[in-house]
Amino acid sequence: MGPDFRSDPMDSAEGRGVAQRAWDAYQGGVRKALGPIVRPVAVGQAIDLVGFWCVWHLHGGFDGLLKLGMPRSTIYFHVKKFRTAYGVHPDEFQFAGIALDREAYWAAGDNRPNDRKKK
């Protein structure tokens, strides 16, 4: 049997933290270099996904988006992006701080895609 190192003192469970410091330095450099490029893309994606979630719930999910005129492939694409970002289907997700008032939404105007008034 080899030596038992369990009783030897350590600075932490990470040892002296050499690998952690190297990782932190790497991440800091990457964030500094890529942050200005990635941030606008990430913000845009987040806004798109929140909007998709709102429209999904206000128009009744998949069938409602089809009636709205969104192609099936686009719906599937957005559902996949949403699930990748939030880990759950948009139908099962609830954003903290966002409450949709469907009755007020529909009462506020002509929002129904198939019932639009002719101009």
C-alpha atoms as a PDB file:
ATOM      1  CA  MET A   1       0.000   0.000   0.000  1.00  0.00           C
ATOM      2  CA  GLY A   2       1.295   3.505  -0.807  1.00  0.00           C
ATOM      3  CA  PRO A   3       1.742   6.443   1.561  1.00  0.00           C
ATOM      4  CA  ASP A   4      -1.326   7.991   3.255  1.00  0.00           C
ATOM      5  CA  PHE A   5      -1.443  11.727   2.532  1.00  0.00           C
ATOM      6  CA  ARG A   6      -4.779  12.395   4.272  1.00  0.00           C
ATOM      7  CA  SER A   7      -3.186  13.832   7.409  1.00  0.00           C
ATOM      8  CA  ASP A   8      -0.790  16.160   5.522  1.00  0.00           C
ATOM      9  CA  PRO A   9      -1.755  19.844   5.881  1.00  0.00           C
ATOM     10  CA  MET A  10      -3.180  21.588   2.815  1.00  0.00           C
ATOM     11  CA  ASP A  11      -4.045  25.228   2.161  1.00  0.00           C
ATOM     12  CA  SER A  12      -7.476  24.126   0.903  1.00  0.00           C
ATOM     13  CA  ALA A  13      -9.213  21.309  -0.939  1.00  0.00           C
ATOM     14  CA  GLU A  14      -7.662  22.878  -4.051  1.00  0.00           C
ATOM     15  CA  GLY A  15      -4.147  22.508  -2.630  1.00  0.00           C
ATOM     16  CA  ARG A  16      -2.345  25.799  -3.093  1.00  0.00           C
ATOM     17  CA  GLY A  17      -4.803  26.994  -5.743  1.00  0.00           C
ATOM     18  CA  VAL A  18      -2.315  27.081  -8.623  1.00  0.00           C
ATOM     19  CA  ALA A  19      -4.787  25.670 -11.148  1.00  0.00           C
ATOM     20  CA  GLN A  20      -7.596  27.942  -9.888  1.00  0.00           C
ATOM     21  CA  ARG A  21      -5.431  31.082 -10.231  1.00  0.00           C
ATOM     22  CA  ALA A  22      -4.398  30.057 -13.752  1.00  0.00           C
ATOM     23  CA  TRP A  23      -8.043  29.476 -14.691  1.00  0.00           C
ATOM     24  CA  ASP A  24      -9.125  32.810 -13.193  1.00  0.00           C
ATOM     25  CA  ALA A  25      -6.380  34.640 -15.110  1.00  0.00           C
ATOM     26  CA  TYR A  26      -7.406  32.909 -18.346  1.00  0.00           C
ATOM     27  CA  GLN A  27     -11.096  33.717 -17.841  1.00  0.00           C
ATOM     28  CA  GLY A  28     -10.292  37.320 -17.014  1.00  0.00           C
ATOM     29  CA  GLY A  29      -8.255  37.680 -20.203  1.00  0.00           C
ATOM     30  CA  VAL A  30     -10.946  36.072 -22.328  1.00  0.00           C
ATOM     31  CA  ARG A  31     -13.671  38.269 -20.813  1.00  0.00           C
ATOM     32  CA  LYS A  32     -11.594  41.393 -21.360  1.00  0.00           C
ATOM     33  CA  ALA A  33     -10.849  40.466 -24.973  1.00  0.00           C
ATOM     34  CA  LEU A  34     -14.210  39.048 -26.007  1.00  0.00           C
ATOM     35  CA  GLY A  35     -16.592  40.922 -23.698  1.00  0.00           C
ATOM     36  CA  PRO A  36     -17.137  43.889 -26.023  1.00  0.00           C
ATOM     37  CA  ILE A  37     -17.839  41.503 -28.910  1.00  0.00           C
ATOM     38  CA  VAL A  38     -19.977  38.918 -27.110  1.00  0.00           C
ATOM     39  CA  ARG A  39     -22.059  41.207 -24.872  1.00  0.00           C
ATOM     40  CA  PRO A  40     -24.141  42.847 -27.629  1.00  0.00           C
ATOM     41  CA  VAL A  41     -24.868  39.434 -29.147  1.00  0.00           C
ATOM     42  CA  ALA A  42     -25.831  37.959 -25.773  1.00  0.00           C
ATOM     43  CA  VAL A  43     -28.088  40.918 -24.954  1.00  0.00           C
ATOM     44  CA  GLY A  44     -29.780  40.633 -28.335  1.00  0.00           C
ATOM     45  CA  GLN A  45     -30.330  36.893 -27.868  1.00  0.00           C
ATOM     46  CA  ALA A  46     -31.794  37.427 -24.394  1.00  0.00           C
ATOM     47  CA  ILE A  47     -34.198  40.069 -25.711  1.00  0.00           C
ATOM     48  CA  ASP A  48     -35.254  37.780 -28.574  1.00  0.00           C
ATOM     49  CA  LEU A  49     -35.893  34.862 -26.196  1.00  0.00           C
ATOM     50  CA  VAL A  50     -37.923  36.945 -23.734  1.00  0.00           C
ATOM     51  CA  GLY A  51     -39.990  38.275 -26.631  1.00  0.00           C
ATOM     52  CA  PHE A  52     -40.507  34.774 -28.005  1.00  0.00           C
ATOM     53  CA  TRP A  53     -41.622  33.587 -24.572  1.00  0.00           C
ATOM     54  CA  CYS A  54     -44.134  36.454 -24.300  1.00  0.00           C
ATOM     55  CA  VAL A  55     -45.598  35.828 -27.755  1.00  0.00           C
ATOM     56  CA  TRP A  56     -45.690  32.068 -27.067  1.00  0.00           C
ATOM     57  CA  HIS A  57     -47.828  32.614 -23.966  1.00  0.00           C
ATOM     58  CA  LEU A  58     -49.962  35.473 -25.300  1.00  0.00           C
ATOM     59  CA  HIS A  59     -50.905  33.608 -28.479  1.00  0.00           C
ATOM     60  CA  GLY A  60     -51.442  30.117 -27.082  1.00  0.00           C
ATOM     61  CA  GLY A  61     -48.185  28.314 -27.782  1.00  0.00           C
ATOM     62  CA  PHE A  62     -47.229  26.387 -30.900  1.00  0.00           C
ATOM     63  CA  ASP A  63     -50.611  26.473 -32.663  1.00  0.00           C
ATOM     64  CA  GLY A  64     -51.055  30.142 -31.860  1.00  0.00           C
ATOM     65  CA  LEU A  65     -47.699  30.994 -33.390  1.00  0.00           C
ATOM     66  CA  LEU A  66     -48.626  29.026 -36.497  1.00  0.00           C
ATOM     67  CA  LYS A  67     -51.857  31.050 -36.769  1.00  0.00           C
ATOM     68  CA  LEU A  68     -49.806  34.196 -36.268  1.00  0.00           C
ATOM     69  CA  GLY A  69     -47.898  33.230 -39.422  1.00  0.00           C
ATOM     70  CA  MET A  70     -44.643  31.924 -37.952  1.00  0.00           C
ATOM     71  CA  PRO A  71     -43.234  28.957 -39.908  1.00  0.00           C
ATOM     72  CA  ARG A  72     -43.016  25.624 -38.077  1.00  0.00           C
ATOM     73  CA  SER A  73     -39.258  25.451 -38.521  1.00  0.00           C
ATOM     74  CA  THR A  74     -38.853  28.921 -36.989  1.00  0.00           C
ATOM     75  CA  ILE A  75     -40.948  27.919 -33.980  1.00  0.00           C
ATOM     76  CA  TYR A  76     -38.865  24.770 -33.465  1.00  0.00           C
ATOM     77  CA  PHE A  77     -35.679  26.833 -33.859  1.00  0.00           C
ATOM     78  CA  HIS A  78     -36.776  29.314 -31.165  1.00  0.00           C
ATOM     79  CA  VAL A  79     -37.956  26.558 -28.820  1.00  0.00           C
ATOM     80  CA  LYS A  80     -34.547  24.882 -29.133  1.00  0.00           C
ATOM     81  CA  LYS A  81     -32.742  28.190 -28.464  1.00  0.00           C
ATOM     82  CA  PHE A  82     -34.978  28.811 -25.456  1.00  0.00           C
ATOM     83  CA  ARG A  83     -34.416  25.330 -24.031  1.00  0.00           C
ATOM     84  CA  THR A  84     -30.670  25.658 -24.567  1.00  0.00           C
ATOM     85  CA  ALA A  85     -30.567  28.994 -22.751  1.00  0.00           C
ATOM     86  CA  TYR A  86     -33.037  28.325 -19.917  1.00  0.00           C
ATOM     87  CA  GLY A  87     -32.999  24.530 -19.631  1.00  0.00           C
ATOM     88  CA  VAL A  88     -36.757  24.108 -20.004  1.00  0.00           C
ATOM     89  CA  HIS A  89     -39.469  24.400 -22.649  1.00  0.00           C
ATOM     90  CA  PRO A  90     -40.979  27.916 -22.915  1.00  0.00           C
ATOM     91  CA  ASP A  91     -44.401  26.491 -22.051  1.00  0.00           C
ATOM     92  CA  GLU A  92     -43.112  25.384 -18.634  1.00  0.00           C
ATOM     93  CA  PHE A  93     -40.983  28.441 -17.840  1.00  0.00           C
ATOM     94  CA  GLN A  94     -41.947  31.491 -15.797  1.00  0.00           C
ATOM     95  CA  PHE A  95     -39.747  34.582 -15.699  1.00  0.00           C
ATOM     96  CA  ALA A  96     -39.463  36.031 -12.221  1.00  0.00           C
ATOM     97  CA  GLY A  97     -41.010  39.490 -12.236  1.00  0.00           C
ATOM     98  CA  ILE A  98     -42.934  39.078 -15.492  1.00  0.00           C
ATOM     99  CA  ALA A  99     -46.679  38.509 -15.246  1.00  0.00           C
ATOM    100  CA  LEU A 100     -48.672  38.427 -18.473  1.00  0.00           C
ATOM    101  CA  ASP A 101     -52.201  39.804 -18.415  1.00  0.00           C
ATOM    102  CA  ARG A 102     -53.695  38.036 -21.418  1.00  0.00           C
ATOM    103  CA  GLU A 103     -57.125  39.607 -21.001  1.00  0.00           C
ATOM    104  CA  ALA A 104     -55.655  43.117 -21.000  1.00  0.00           C
ATOM    105  CA  TYR A 105     -53.462  42.239 -23.988  1.00  0.00           C
ATOM    106  CA  TRP A 106     -56.400  41.064 -26.061  1.00  0.00           C
ATOM    107  CA  ALA A 107     -58.680  43.883 -24.873  1.00  0.00           C
ATOM    108  CA  ALA A 108     -56.089  46.552 -25.742  1.00  0.00           C
ATOM    109  CA  GLY A 109     -56.433  46.143 -29.466  1.00  0.00           C
ATOM    110  CA  ASP A 110     -56.855  43.953 -32.444  1.00  0.00           C
ATOM    111  CA  ASN A 111     -54.112  41.424 -31.675  1.00  0.00           C
ATOM    112  CA  ARG A 112     -55.725  38.357 -33.139  1.00  0.00           C
ATOM    113  CA  PRO A 113     -53.971  37.422 -36.386  1.00  0.00           C
ATOM    114  CA  ASN A 114     -57.045  36.004 -38.113  1.00  0.00           C
ATOM    115  CA  ASP A 115     -59.450  38.712 -36.956  1.00  0.00           C
ATOM    116  CA  ARG A 116     -57.601  41.799 -38.195  1.00  0.00           C
ATOM    117  CA  LYS A 117     -59.736  44.627 -39.480  1.00  0.00           C
ATOM    118  CA  LYS A 118     -59.366  45.432 -43.152  1.00  0.00           C
ATOM    119  CA  LYS A 119     -58.039  48.926 -43.767  1.00  0.00           C
END
